[in-house]
Amino acid sequence: MTDHQNPAVVYTHGHSAAVLRSHRSRTAANSAGYLLPELAAGRRVLDVGCGPGTITADLAELVGPEGRVVAIDTSAEVLAQAAEYVAGRGLANVEFAVADVHDLPYPAAEFDVVHAHQVLQHLADPVDALRQMRRVLAPGGVAAVRDADYEAMTWYPEVPELEAWLSLYRQCARVNGGEPDAGRRLLAWAREAGFTELTASSATWTYASPGERLWWGESWADRTTGSGLAATALAQGFADRAELAAIADAWRRWTVEPDGWFAVLHGELLARG
């Protein structure tokens, strides 16, 4: 533990049904492929910001029953859902705890791997979080972080309301203390946090088939009008309900575009030392 005063954090997405539905689609294969070669039986893993636990469960399977996974999140409600999901997978090597990455309640050198997927972008002080992650790593351990880069998202065909969506999201994320264009900054943040051996990569999620477009577009339509994003936009006066509804309608129109295509760029980093 440290005496660090945790910066205030507002999670821009919130934990609405639409957000959690999206998060449950994440697996180690589609969201942590860059980390998989680092995992082996018996490794001790800290999963930071585990959400509903789908990636957590995959990590637990990969380190096996002789390994240990500790999954943390700031939301007790979401942790309860994660615990239920992990139990349903028949896994007994996962522990859950409400904890803040800025003040990890674990001794130095406790873990072989510290993993954080789509976490640093929501933090007021990502460098401090990385320092904490580094503190709890055992010698030879690795921190694995992956974050989207919103400004780098791209799509076709051009839809003016989606440009408005992107601008609104970035505005809301920043007023909440986060950095939505985190992917490009991971290397710099890790260097500032004191890591000395860094392997940077990138990967994309792409939505182009009819089913993929429908899933992605409906998810963001729902989130635009009924999630933490909507709450922040309305509270800050960045948009009114009619403007949010217009963006949601545009997402739904995009889902049926036969040429519709959307790509999400992620920065990825393995950090040691």
C-alpha atoms as a PDB file:
ATOM      1  CA  MET A   1       0.000   0.000   0.000  1.00  0.00           C
ATOM      2  CA  THR A   2       1.095   3.580  -0.509  1.00  0.00           C
ATOM      3  CA  ASP A   3       0.020   6.916   0.862  1.00  0.00           C
ATOM      4  CA  HIS A   4      -0.851   8.107  -2.636  1.00  0.00           C
ATOM      5  CA  GLN A   5      -4.077  10.077  -2.797  1.00  0.00           C
ATOM      6  CA  ASN A   6      -6.014   8.393  -5.583  1.00  0.00           C
ATOM      7  CA  PRO A   7      -7.109  10.741  -8.360  1.00  0.00           C
ATOM      8  CA  ALA A   8     -10.847  10.964  -8.849  1.00  0.00           C
ATOM      9  CA  VAL A   9     -11.946   8.699 -11.681  1.00  0.00           C
ATOM     10  CA  VAL A  10     -15.285   8.649 -13.459  1.00  0.00           C
ATOM     11  CA  TYR A  11     -15.686   5.606 -15.676  1.00  0.00           C
ATOM     12  CA  THR A  12     -17.068   7.150 -18.857  1.00  0.00           C
ATOM     13  CA  HIS A  13     -18.759   3.988 -20.121  1.00  0.00           C
ATOM     14  CA  GLY A  14     -20.457   3.077 -16.863  1.00  0.00           C
ATOM     15  CA  HIS A  15     -21.849  -0.408 -16.340  1.00  0.00           C
ATOM     16  CA  SER A  16     -25.110  -0.387 -18.258  1.00  0.00           C
ATOM     17  CA  ALA A  17     -26.408  -3.588 -19.813  1.00  0.00           C
ATOM     18  CA  ALA A  18     -25.191  -2.467 -23.244  1.00  0.00           C
ATOM     19  CA  VAL A  19     -21.672  -1.837 -21.956  1.00  0.00           C
ATOM     20  CA  LEU A  20     -21.429  -5.170 -20.152  1.00  0.00           C
ATOM     21  CA  ARG A  21     -22.843  -6.970 -23.196  1.00  0.00           C
ATOM     22  CA  SER A  22     -19.967  -5.526 -25.200  1.00  0.00           C
ATOM     23  CA  HIS A  23     -17.380  -6.372 -22.559  1.00  0.00           C
ATOM     24  CA  ARG A  24     -18.548  -9.985 -22.363  1.00  0.00           C
ATOM     25  CA  SER A  25     -17.505 -10.463 -25.979  1.00  0.00           C
ATOM     26  CA  ARG A  26     -13.859 -10.063 -25.008  1.00  0.00           C
ATOM     27  CA  THR A  27     -11.633 -13.115 -24.762  1.00  0.00           C
ATOM     28  CA  ALA A  28      -7.925 -13.680 -24.305  1.00  0.00           C
ATOM     29  CA  ALA A  29      -7.763 -14.611 -27.993  1.00  0.00           C
ATOM     30  CA  ASN A  30      -9.413 -11.443 -29.343  1.00  0.00           C
ATOM     31  CA  SER A  31      -8.144  -9.011 -26.705  1.00  0.00           C
ATOM     32  CA  ALA A  32      -4.862 -10.298 -25.266  1.00  0.00           C
ATOM     33  CA  GLY A  33      -3.206 -12.248 -28.064  1.00  0.00           C
ATOM     34  CA  TYR A  34       0.041 -10.318 -27.613  1.00  0.00           C
ATOM     35  CA  LEU A  35       0.240 -11.613 -24.009  1.00  0.00           C
ATOM     36  CA  LEU A  36      -0.503 -15.307 -24.622  1.00  0.00           C
ATOM     37  CA  PRO A  37       3.118 -16.390 -25.319  1.00  0.00           C
ATOM     38  CA  GLU A  38       4.048 -15.049 -21.868  1.00  0.00           C
ATOM     39  CA  LEU A  39       1.596 -17.289 -20.028  1.00  0.00           C
ATOM     40  CA  ALA A  40       2.534 -20.694 -18.672  1.00  0.00           C
ATOM     41  CA  ALA A  41       1.289 -23.141 -16.089  1.00  0.00           C
ATOM     42  CA  GLY A  42       1.814 -21.964 -12.538  1.00  0.00           C
ATOM     43  CA  ARG A  43       2.166 -18.261 -13.255  1.00  0.00           C
ATOM     44  CA  ARG A  44       0.669 -15.718 -10.850  1.00  0.00           C
ATOM     45  CA  VAL A  45      -1.494 -13.159 -12.668  1.00  0.00           C
ATOM     46  CA  LEU A  46      -3.103  -9.901 -11.563  1.00  0.00           C
ATOM     47  CA  ASP A  47      -5.975  -8.903 -13.873  1.00  0.00           C
ATOM     48  CA  VAL A  48      -6.624  -5.184 -13.381  1.00  0.00           C
ATOM     49  CA  GLY A  49     -10.083  -3.869 -14.262  1.00  0.00           C
ATOM     50  CA  CYS A  50     -11.374  -7.357 -14.967  1.00  0.00           C
ATOM     51  CA  GLY A  51     -14.957  -6.310 -15.759  1.00  0.00           C
ATOM     52  CA  PRO A  52     -17.343  -9.249 -16.245  1.00  0.00           C
ATOM     53  CA  GLY A  53     -14.479 -11.748 -16.192  1.00  0.00           C
ATOM     54  CA  THR A  54     -14.386 -13.271 -19.672  1.00  0.00           C
ATOM     55  CA  ILE A  55     -10.694 -12.528 -20.233  1.00  0.00           C
ATOM     56  CA  THR A  56      -9.974 -13.403 -16.601  1.00  0.00           C
ATOM     57  CA  ALA A  57     -11.390 -16.894 -17.056  1.00  0.00           C
ATOM     58  CA  ASP A  58      -9.285 -17.494 -20.148  1.00  0.00           C
ATOM     59  CA  LEU A  59      -6.139 -16.377 -18.298  1.00  0.00           C
ATOM     60  CA  ALA A  60      -7.006 -18.727 -15.443  1.00  0.00           C
ATOM     61  CA  GLU A  61      -7.334 -21.656 -17.842  1.00  0.00           C
ATOM     62  CA  LEU A  62      -3.996 -20.819 -19.436  1.00  0.00           C
ATOM     63  CA  VAL A  63      -2.048 -20.768 -16.148  1.00  0.00           C
ATOM     64  CA  GLY A  64      -3.801 -23.933 -15.001  1.00  0.00           C
ATOM     65  CA  PRO A  65      -4.903 -25.097 -11.570  1.00  0.00           C
ATOM     66  CA  GLU A  66      -1.354 -24.692 -10.239  1.00  0.00           C
ATOM     67  CA  GLY A  67      -1.448 -21.023 -11.238  1.00  0.00           C
ATOM     68  CA  ARG A  68      -3.210 -18.135  -9.533  1.00  0.00           C
ATOM     69  CA  VAL A  69      -5.251 -15.250 -10.928  1.00  0.00           C
ATOM     70  CA  VAL A  70      -6.309 -12.283  -8.829  1.00  0.00           C
ATOM     71  CA  ALA A  71      -9.001 -10.216 -10.553  1.00  0.00           C
ATOM     72  CA  ILE A  72      -9.672  -6.674  -9.356  1.00  0.00           C
ATOM     73  CA  ASP A  73     -12.152  -3.995 -10.274  1.00  0.00           C
ATOM     74  CA  THR A  74     -13.542  -0.888  -8.587  1.00  0.00           C
ATOM     75  CA  SER A  75     -17.134  -2.131  -8.987  1.00  0.00           C
ATOM     76  CA  ALA A  76     -18.296  -4.765  -6.493  1.00  0.00           C
ATOM     77  CA  GLU A  77     -21.383  -5.400  -8.624  1.00  0.00           C
ATOM     78  CA  VAL A  78     -19.340  -6.201 -11.709  1.00  0.00           C
ATOM     79  CA  LEU A  79     -16.966  -8.371  -9.673  1.00  0.00           C
ATOM     80  CA  ALA A  80     -19.937 -10.419  -8.480  1.00  0.00           C
ATOM     81  CA  GLN A  81     -20.914 -11.026 -12.105  1.00  0.00           C
ATOM     82  CA  ALA A  82     -17.320 -11.965 -12.938  1.00  0.00           C
ATOM     83  CA  ALA A  83     -17.171 -14.425 -10.037  1.00  0.00           C
ATOM     84  CA  GLU A  84     -20.396 -16.045 -11.193  1.00  0.00           C
ATOM     85  CA  TYR A  85     -19.089 -16.347 -14.750  1.00  0.00           C
ATOM     86  CA  VAL A  86     -15.752 -17.816 -13.645  1.00  0.00           C
ATOM     87  CA  ALA A  87     -17.492 -20.318 -11.365  1.00  0.00           C
ATOM     88  CA  GLY A  88     -19.672 -21.334 -14.301  1.00  0.00           C
ATOM     89  CA  ARG A  89     -16.513 -22.161 -16.220  1.00  0.00           C
ATOM     90  CA  GLY A  90     -15.518 -24.521 -13.393  1.00  0.00           C
ATOM     91  CA  LEU A  91     -12.398 -22.582 -12.422  1.00  0.00           C
ATOM     92  CA  ALA A  92     -11.156 -22.566  -8.837  1.00  0.00           C
ATOM     93  CA  ASN A  93      -7.865 -20.653  -9.214  1.00  0.00           C
ATOM     94  CA  VAL A  94      -9.313 -17.112  -9.341  1.00  0.00           C
ATOM     95  CA  GLU A  95      -9.666 -14.661  -6.460  1.00  0.00           C
ATOM     96  CA  PHE A  96     -11.683 -11.429  -6.662  1.00  0.00           C
ATOM     97  CA  ALA A  97     -11.175  -8.147  -4.821  1.00  0.00           C
ATOM     98  CA  VAL A  98     -12.434  -4.585  -5.000  1.00  0.00           C
ATOM     99  CA  ALA A  99      -9.246  -2.571  -5.479  1.00  0.00           C
ATOM    100  CA  ASP A 100      -7.825   0.524  -7.137  1.00  0.00           C
ATOM    101  CA  VAL A 101      -4.812   0.157  -9.420  1.00  0.00           C
ATOM    102  CA  HIS A 102      -3.422   3.432  -8.030  1.00  0.00           C
ATOM    103  CA  ASP A 103      -3.106   1.784  -4.610  1.00  0.00           C
ATOM    104  CA  LEU A 104      -2.717  -1.956  -5.101  1.00  0.00           C
ATOM    105  CA  PRO A 105      -3.122  -3.843  -1.800  1.00  0.00           C
ATOM    106  CA  TYR A 106      -0.405  -6.376  -2.613  1.00  0.00           C
ATOM    107  CA  PRO A 107       3.246  -6.660  -1.596  1.00  0.00           C
ATOM    108  CA  ALA A 108       6.127  -6.075  -3.959  1.00  0.00           C
ATOM    109  CA  ALA A 109       7.002  -8.892  -6.363  1.00  0.00           C
ATOM    110  CA  GLU A 110       3.671 -10.685  -5.813  1.00  0.00           C
ATOM    111  CA  PHE A 111       2.841 -11.461  -9.475  1.00  0.00           C
ATOM    112  CA  ASP A 112       4.529 -12.806 -12.582  1.00  0.00           C
ATOM    113  CA  VAL A 113       2.073 -11.053 -14.915  1.00  0.00           C
ATOM    114  CA  VAL A 114      -0.005  -7.906 -14.467  1.00  0.00           C
ATOM    115  CA  HIS A 115      -2.642  -7.457 -17.173  1.00  0.00           C
ATOM    116  CA  ALA A 116      -4.848  -4.440 -17.880  1.00  0.00           C
ATOM    117  CA  HIS A 117      -7.183  -4.328 -20.866  1.00  0.00           C
ATOM    118  CA  GLN A 118      -8.834  -0.984 -21.731  1.00  0.00           C
ATOM    119  CA  VAL A 119      -7.998   0.413 -18.285  1.00  0.00           C
ATOM    120  CA  LEU A 120      -5.307   3.084 -18.586  1.00  0.00           C
ATOM    121  CA  GLN A 121      -7.425   5.235 -20.896  1.00  0.00           C
ATOM    122  CA  HIS A 122      -9.894   5.823 -18.063  1.00  0.00           C
ATOM    123  CA  LEU A 123      -7.371   6.858 -15.400  1.00  0.00           C
ATOM    124  CA  ALA A 124      -6.407  10.346 -14.306  1.00  0.00           C
ATOM    125  CA  ASP A 125      -2.816   9.198 -13.689  1.00  0.00           C
ATOM    126  CA  PRO A 126      -1.905   6.225 -15.891  1.00  0.00           C
ATOM    127  CA  VAL A 127       1.802   6.624 -15.146  1.00  0.00           C
ATOM    128  CA  ASP A 128       1.170   6.212 -11.425  1.00  0.00           C
ATOM    129  CA  ALA A 129      -0.932   3.118 -12.190  1.00  0.00           C
ATOM    130  CA  LEU A 130       1.933   1.663 -14.211  1.00  0.00           C
ATOM    131  CA  ARG A 131       4.330   2.350 -11.348  1.00  0.00           C
ATOM    132  CA  GLN A 132       2.033   0.361  -9.069  1.00  0.00           C
ATOM    133  CA  MET A 133       1.876  -2.449 -11.602  1.00  0.00           C
ATOM    134  CA  ARG A 134       5.662  -2.440 -11.797  1.00  0.00           C
ATOM    135  CA  ARG A 135       5.965  -2.538  -7.991  1.00  0.00           C
ATOM    136  CA  VAL A 136       3.975  -5.773  -7.667  1.00  0.00           C
ATOM    137  CA  LEU A 137       5.826  -7.564 -10.473  1.00  0.00           C
ATOM    138  CA  ALA A 138       8.309 -10.253  -9.545  1.00  0.00           C
ATOM    139  CA  PRO A 139      11.789 -10.110 -11.120  1.00  0.00           C
ATOM    140  CA  GLY A 140      11.439 -11.221 -14.719  1.00  0.00           C
ATOM    141  CA  GLY A 141       7.713 -10.503 -14.691  1.00  0.00           C
ATOM    142  CA  VAL A 142       5.784  -8.639 -17.350  1.00  0.00           C
ATOM    143  CA  ALA A 143       3.088  -5.977 -17.392  1.00  0.00           C
ATOM    144  CA  ALA A 144       0.715  -6.237 -20.338  1.00  0.00           C
ATOM    145  CA  VAL A 145      -1.454  -3.248 -21.235  1.00  0.00           C
ATOM    146  CA  ARG A 146      -3.781  -2.715 -24.178  1.00  0.00           C
ATOM    147  CA  ASP A 147      -5.903   0.339 -24.938  1.00  0.00           C
ATOM    148  CA  ALA A 148      -7.946   1.614 -27.827  1.00  0.00           C
ATOM    149  CA  ASP A 149      -7.047   4.863 -29.553  1.00  0.00           C
ATOM    150  CA  TYR A 150     -10.273   6.689 -30.323  1.00  0.00           C
ATOM    151  CA  GLU A 151      -8.876   9.320 -32.665  1.00  0.00           C
ATOM    152  CA  ALA A 152      -7.457   6.505 -34.803  1.00  0.00           C
ATOM    153  CA  MET A 153     -10.834   4.781 -35.209  1.00  0.00           C
ATOM    154  CA  THR A 154     -12.012   4.827 -38.792  1.00  0.00           C
ATOM    155  CA  TRP A 155     -15.084   3.755 -40.721  1.00  0.00           C
ATOM    156  CA  TYR A 156     -16.900   3.764 -44.035  1.00  0.00           C
ATOM    157  CA  PRO A 157     -19.119   5.162 -45.408  1.00  0.00           C
ATOM    158  CA  GLU A 158     -18.824   8.656 -44.012  1.00  0.00           C
ATOM    159  CA  VAL A 159     -21.620   9.420 -41.564  1.00  0.00           C
ATOM    160  CA  PRO A 160     -21.562  12.972 -40.127  1.00  0.00           C
ATOM    161  CA  GLU A 161     -23.281  11.896 -36.928  1.00  0.00           C
ATOM    162  CA  LEU A 162     -20.532   9.347 -36.255  1.00  0.00           C
ATOM    163  CA  GLU A 163     -17.992  12.153 -36.437  1.00  0.00           C
ATOM    164  CA  ALA A 164     -20.145  13.900 -33.839  1.00  0.00           C
ATOM    165  CA  TRP A 165     -20.167  10.706 -31.759  1.00  0.00           C
ATOM    166  CA  LEU A 166     -16.385  10.453 -31.802  1.00  0.00           C
ATOM    167  CA  SER A 167     -15.940  14.105 -30.863  1.00  0.00           C
ATOM    168  CA  LEU A 168     -18.511  13.775 -28.082  1.00  0.00           C
ATOM    169  CA  TYR A 169     -16.932  10.617 -26.666  1.00  0.00           C
ATOM    170  CA  ARG A 170     -13.456  12.159 -26.565  1.00  0.00           C
ATOM    171  CA  GLN A 171     -14.855  15.276 -24.919  1.00  0.00           C
ATOM    172  CA  CYS A 172     -16.689  13.259 -22.259  1.00  0.00           C
ATOM    173  CA  ALA A 173     -13.717  10.992 -21.561  1.00  0.00           C
ATOM    174  CA  ARG A 174     -11.432  13.946 -20.992  1.00  0.00           C
ATOM    175  CA  VAL A 175     -13.818  15.839 -18.742  1.00  0.00           C
ATOM    176  CA  ASN A 176     -13.974  12.629 -16.672  1.00  0.00           C
ATOM    177  CA  GLY A 177     -10.180  12.705 -16.321  1.00  0.00           C
ATOM    178  CA  GLY A 178      -9.257  10.052 -18.889  1.00  0.00           C
ATOM    179  CA  GLU A 179      -7.301   9.987 -22.151  1.00  0.00           C
ATOM    180  CA  PRO A 180      -9.326   8.418 -24.985  1.00  0.00           C
ATOM    181  CA  ASP A 181      -6.341   8.349 -27.342  1.00  0.00           C
ATOM    182  CA  ALA A 182      -4.386   6.164 -24.943  1.00  0.00           C
ATOM    183  CA  GLY A 183      -3.185   3.539 -27.404  1.00  0.00           C
ATOM    184  CA  ARG A 184      -0.479   5.735 -28.900  1.00  0.00           C
ATOM    185  CA  ARG A 185       0.712   6.834 -25.448  1.00  0.00           C
ATOM    186  CA  LEU A 186       1.349   3.449 -23.785  1.00  0.00           C
ATOM    187  CA  LEU A 187       5.039   3.339 -24.672  1.00  0.00           C
ATOM    188  CA  ALA A 188       5.659   6.857 -23.351  1.00  0.00           C
ATOM    189  CA  TRP A 189       3.695   6.230 -20.155  1.00  0.00           C
ATOM    190  CA  ALA A 190       5.573   3.001 -19.422  1.00  0.00           C
ATOM    191  CA  ARG A 191       8.952   4.651 -19.953  1.00  0.00           C
ATOM    192  CA  GLU A 192       7.961   7.422 -17.555  1.00  0.00           C
ATOM    193  CA  ALA A 193       6.851   4.791 -15.028  1.00  0.00           C
ATOM    194  CA  GLY A 194      10.352   3.301 -15.023  1.00  0.00           C
ATOM    195  CA  PHE A 195      10.017   0.229 -17.223  1.00  0.00           C
ATOM    196  CA  THR A 196      13.175  -0.370 -19.232  1.00  0.00           C
ATOM    197  CA  GLU A 197      12.401  -3.288 -21.561  1.00  0.00           C
ATOM    198  CA  LEU A 198       9.421  -2.500 -23.765  1.00  0.00           C
ATOM    199  CA  THR A 199       7.815  -4.366 -26.645  1.00  0.00           C
ATOM    200  CA  ALA A 200       5.144  -2.329 -28.427  1.00  0.00           C
ATOM    201  CA  SER A 201       2.621  -3.651 -30.916  1.00  0.00           C
ATOM    202  CA  SER A 202      -0.822  -2.858 -32.252  1.00  0.00           C
ATOM    203  CA  ALA A 203      -3.936  -4.755 -33.279  1.00  0.00           C
ATOM    204  CA  THR A 204      -7.418  -4.016 -34.528  1.00  0.00           C
ATOM    205  CA  TRP A 205     -10.977  -5.071 -34.061  1.00  0.00           C
ATOM    206  CA  THR A 206     -12.775  -4.906 -37.407  1.00  0.00           C
ATOM    207  CA  TYR A 207     -16.547  -4.950 -37.944  1.00  0.00           C
ATOM    208  CA  ALA A 208     -17.568  -5.491 -41.550  1.00  0.00           C
ATOM    209  CA  SER A 209     -19.877  -8.492 -41.920  1.00  0.00           C
ATOM    210  CA  PRO A 210     -23.639  -7.904 -41.525  1.00  0.00           C
ATOM    211  CA  GLY A 211     -23.635  -9.604 -38.139  1.00  0.00           C
ATOM    212  CA  GLU A 212     -20.580  -7.712 -36.903  1.00  0.00           C
ATOM    213  CA  ARG A 213     -21.993  -4.383 -38.053  1.00  0.00           C
ATOM    214  CA  LEU A 214     -25.308  -5.071 -36.368  1.00  0.00           C
ATOM    215  CA  TRP A 215     -23.673  -6.036 -33.079  1.00  0.00           C
ATOM    216  CA  TRP A 216     -21.229  -3.105 -33.000  1.00  0.00           C
ATOM    217  CA  GLY A 217     -23.674  -0.469 -34.217  1.00  0.00           C
ATOM    218  CA  GLU A 218     -26.510  -1.521 -31.912  1.00  0.00           C
ATOM    219  CA  SER A 219     -24.096  -1.588 -28.990  1.00  0.00           C
ATOM    220  CA  TRP A 220     -23.020   1.998 -29.573  1.00  0.00           C
ATOM    221  CA  ALA A 221     -26.552   3.148 -30.340  1.00  0.00           C
ATOM    222  CA  ASP A 222     -27.660   1.844 -26.947  1.00  0.00           C
ATOM    223  CA  ARG A 223     -24.598   3.229 -25.183  1.00  0.00           C
ATOM    224  CA  THR A 224     -25.049   6.671 -26.730  1.00  0.00           C
ATOM    225  CA  THR A 225     -28.471   7.102 -25.171  1.00  0.00           C
ATOM    226  CA  GLY A 226     -28.297   4.950 -22.043  1.00  0.00           C
ATOM    227  CA  SER A 227     -24.839   4.641 -20.498  1.00  0.00           C
ATOM    228  CA  GLY A 228     -22.247   6.657 -18.641  1.00  0.00           C
ATOM    229  CA  LEU A 229     -21.455   8.437 -21.888  1.00  0.00           C
ATOM    230  CA  ALA A 230     -25.005   9.767 -22.110  1.00  0.00           C
ATOM    231  CA  ALA A 231     -25.007  10.747 -18.435  1.00  0.00           C
ATOM    232  CA  THR A 232     -21.788  12.736 -18.818  1.00  0.00           C
ATOM    233  CA  ALA A 233     -22.870  14.403 -22.065  1.00  0.00           C
ATOM    234  CA  LEU A 234     -26.167  15.531 -20.556  1.00  0.00           C
ATOM    235  CA  ALA A 235     -24.696  16.619 -17.217  1.00  0.00           C
ATOM    236  CA  GLN A 236     -21.958  18.656 -18.883  1.00  0.00           C
ATOM    237  CA  GLY A 237     -24.240  20.172 -21.508  1.00  0.00           C
ATOM    238  CA  PHE A 238     -22.201  18.662 -24.337  1.00  0.00           C
ATOM    239  CA  ALA A 239     -25.374  17.312 -26.011  1.00  0.00           C
ATOM    240  CA  ASP A 240     -29.094  17.144 -25.390  1.00  0.00           C
ATOM    241  CA  ARG A 241     -31.315  14.076 -25.649  1.00  0.00           C
ATOM    242  CA  ALA A 242     -32.348  14.890 -29.217  1.00  0.00           C
ATOM    243  CA  GLU A 243     -28.715  15.075 -30.318  1.00  0.00           C
ATOM    244  CA  LEU A 244     -27.918  11.796 -28.607  1.00  0.00           C
ATOM    245  CA  ALA A 245     -30.933  10.168 -30.274  1.00  0.00           C
ATOM    246  CA  ALA A 246     -29.755  11.432 -33.665  1.00  0.00           C
ATOM    247  CA  ILE A 247     -26.338   9.830 -33.121  1.00  0.00           C
ATOM    248  CA  ALA A 248     -27.972   6.563 -32.052  1.00  0.00           C
ATOM    249  CA  ASP A 249     -30.163   6.602 -35.172  1.00  0.00           C
ATOM    250  CA  ALA A 250     -27.055   7.138 -37.314  1.00  0.00           C
ATOM    251  CA  TRP A 251     -25.383   4.111 -35.755  1.00  0.00           C
ATOM    252  CA  ARG A 252     -28.432   2.020 -36.640  1.00  0.00           C
ATOM    253  CA  ARG A 253     -28.422   3.313 -40.228  1.00  0.00           C
ATOM    254  CA  TRP A 254     -24.755   2.406 -40.500  1.00  0.00           C
ATOM    255  CA  THR A 255     -25.453  -1.187 -39.432  1.00  0.00           C
ATOM    256  CA  VAL A 256     -27.437  -1.848 -42.607  1.00  0.00           C
ATOM    257  CA  GLU A 257     -24.955  -0.250 -45.006  1.00  0.00           C
ATOM    258  CA  PRO A 258     -23.807  -3.119 -47.261  1.00  0.00           C
ATOM    259  CA  ASP A 259     -20.376  -1.486 -47.554  1.00  0.00           C
ATOM    260  CA  GLY A 260     -20.161  -0.606 -43.865  1.00  0.00           C
ATOM    261  CA  TRP A 261     -16.747  -1.102 -42.233  1.00  0.00           C
ATOM    262  CA  PHE A 262     -15.379  -0.006 -38.854  1.00  0.00           C
ATOM    263  CA  ALA A 263     -11.889  -0.517 -37.386  1.00  0.00           C
ATOM    264  CA  VAL A 264     -10.693   0.051 -33.826  1.00  0.00           C
ATOM    265  CA  LEU A 265      -6.935   0.464 -33.426  1.00  0.00           C
ATOM    266  CA  HIS A 266      -5.356  -0.701 -30.149  1.00  0.00           C
ATOM    267  CA  GLY A 267      -1.934   0.016 -28.771  1.00  0.00           C
ATOM    268  CA  GLU A 268      -0.385  -2.947 -26.936  1.00  0.00           C
ATOM    269  CA  LEU A 269       2.657  -3.098 -24.710  1.00  0.00           C
ATOM    270  CA  LEU A 270       4.673  -5.724 -22.858  1.00  0.00           C
ATOM    271  CA  ALA A 271       6.751  -3.965 -20.204  1.00  0.00           C
ATOM    272  CA  ARG A 272       9.565  -5.380 -18.087  1.00  0.00           C
ATOM    273  CA  GLY A 273      12.358  -4.114 -15.906  1.00  0.00           C
END
